[in-house]
Amino acid sequence: MTADAAPDTRDADVERTHLTCTLAETWKTPAGFWGALSTVDHKIIGRRYIFTAFVFLALGGVLAALMRIQLAQPEARLLGPDRYNQIFTMHGANMMFLFAVPVMEAMAVYLVPLMVGTRNIAFPRLNAFSYWIYLAGGALLWIAFALDMGPDVGWFAYVPLSGPQYGAGKRADIWAQMITFTELSALAVAVELVVTIFKQRAPGMTLDRIPVFVWAMLVTSFLVIMAMPAIMVASTSLILDRLVGTHLFNPAEGGDVLLWQHLFWFFGHPEVYIIFLPAAGMVSTMIEPFARRPAFGYLALVMALIATGILSFGLWVHHMFVAGLPRLGESFFTASSMTIAIPAGIQVFCWLATLWDGTLVFKTPLLFIIGFIVTFVIGGLTGVMVASVPFDTQVHDTYFVVAHFHYVLVGGAVFPLLGAIHYWFPKLTGRMMSETLGQWSFWLIFIGFNATFFPMHILGLQGMPRRIYTYQPDLAWHGMNLFVSLSAAVLIAGFLLFFVNALRSARYGEPASDNPWDAPTLEWATASPPPSYNFAMIPVVSGAQPLWNVEGALPVAEGLRTDRRELVVTSLAAAEPQTREASPRHSIWPLWAALATTVMLIWSIFSPWAVVWGSIPIAVTLIGWFWPKGTPEDES
């Protein structure tokens, strides 16, 4: 307990000014280096996640720039074939596993507890552990690349290319173990989010009052829980084949090469929606303050998210149409691939209807929303095209596919994400981003992106295969490739301007009020940035737009203790208060557990005995993690 608080002091018994001081003392992160390592505050960890993910985005962008310089003219010699193989593999693996998925979960780690009106995420120590594991996985990949040991087998690492027959050295093992790191981290965050959303919502936040972004993260978390074990099984099996001598993917010994593709794409296609659904939720949430009205079709938007999540598990085989599968299977997966356009179309219709009937406020986040709708529709249309077996057979592994998935992933996820950074920047930092620089960066990114990737459709139709490090001058590709590379420079300039704007605004930006956009969701009911305890009193929700539904101050719930960290636990459907629950204090043990796990995982690349001996320090750190520390929370 704190020095100023008597035992069992409740928030309703304390005067407001004294209450905030007492809560700040109870929920604060200790000062100094040790405090920074041991914090379990979801806002601090969320900001670290976001910053780290954007560092990986910048590194991946450097690799993309190198590839575009290499391909700008025929028979270029900037990069040799071996280095080029490493670079396109690093670019894909980095963007998918170290940026796209983690950054969406990072936004949720920061925002979901605020949006549902609670004081911390569920399992906060697991949250701290997940960040350290994610950081270790990213460091493993990039240190290996710096040592010329970067993976060179493509971001989906098909066997037998990545198997022991052809993948000499440890490059494929680095890729496989990086997967283990990042998926372990993602699974931990997914579990935290599901519990937070189901059991820690503010009283009154019934299922039909949950913000659409929170719904999107709930569906995404279930996708992570169901899809990612498949890739962890696949990567572990690959390491077993390479290290122990099993033959799970070796047909000569009874294994199956196609098993790898099934396992990978059973995860890989839902992963597209693991990236897209949070972005769709961001758009549905951000669009309200800039249209000055509630989003059109709340129920339709939520049902479309759920339908997309379910259908995403029925599409994976459309990545394998050229693998020689039965015709009946091809027909089924063609139909299911086209079916998923229906919920996507419903969401686009709802966003357009919201804009049509709204009073638009053309700020930078709205520009990114409109840019998202344009680019995502183009990516969706080409997705329907490659769902057709005859067409996919013609363009498989060409630049048409490169153009398609960049339209889906960058258009469908990065555009909303950049809008979301502008939108929630006040809540992240307490300052506003520059509107002028924001609009300049949007136009540079929008024009640069479309000028870079739309011509790749044509290159693909002209037969240019992906993943080639150079091409002959007598082929008709060099003019288009030069245009694409010059356009990429515009795209890069847009991203540089975005980074400059973010870094400059974090230090010198205009101070933000609590709710600078007059937005309706709960995160705007507290200060910018929020205090360590998020809310002095837990808000009570009476509508889907709580800050628009109530004039004046929100009603609040009373009864939490101030001398220890407590949360309100509510029922799953009606969000009725059920009990008070303690939230763990800061601890250094998640970091020690992450370090022990890191040592074991990296060691296991070289020796299977690492799993045995490496488990001992992990067990020790877990015992330290859960051992009672005599804090007030342990006594609850």
Foldseek 3Di string as FASTA:
>chain_A
DDPPDDPQAWLVNDDPVVLVVLLLVFQPQDDDDVSLLFFLQLLSLLVVLQVQLVVLVVVLLVLVLVLLVLALFFPRPPDDLLLLLLSQQSSVQSCQQLHQLSNLLSVCSNPVCQQLFWQHWPPSLLLSLLSLLSVLLVCLQVVCVVVVLAARQHNLNAPPCLAQVNNPDLNSVNSLLSLVSRLSSLLSSLVRLLCCQQWFGFFQCFPLQRQLLSLLSNLLSVLSNPQSVLSNVLSVVRLCCNAVNDPQPPVVVPHNSCSSLVSSLLNVQLSLSSRQSSLLSLLQQVLCLQQVHHFAPSVLLSVLSNVLSVLSSLQSCLLVLVVDDDPVSLVSNLVSQLVNVVSVVSSLVRSVVSNVPGDGDDFLLVLLSVLLSVLQVVLSVVSNQSSDSVSVVLLPQALLVVLNVCSSNCSRHVSSVLSVCQVCVQQSQQFHFDRVLSVQLSVLQSQLSCQQRVCSSVRSNLPHGPSDSRDDNVRPCNVSSSSNSVSSVSNVVSVVSSVVRSVCRSPDGHGDALANSLGQGSQSLAGGHHRSRSDSFRFHANRSRRSVVDPDHGHGDISDGSNFAWGFTAHRRSRHTDDIAGDDGTDSLSVQLSVLVSVLSVVCSHPVCSVVVSVVSNVVSVCVVPPDPPGPNVVD
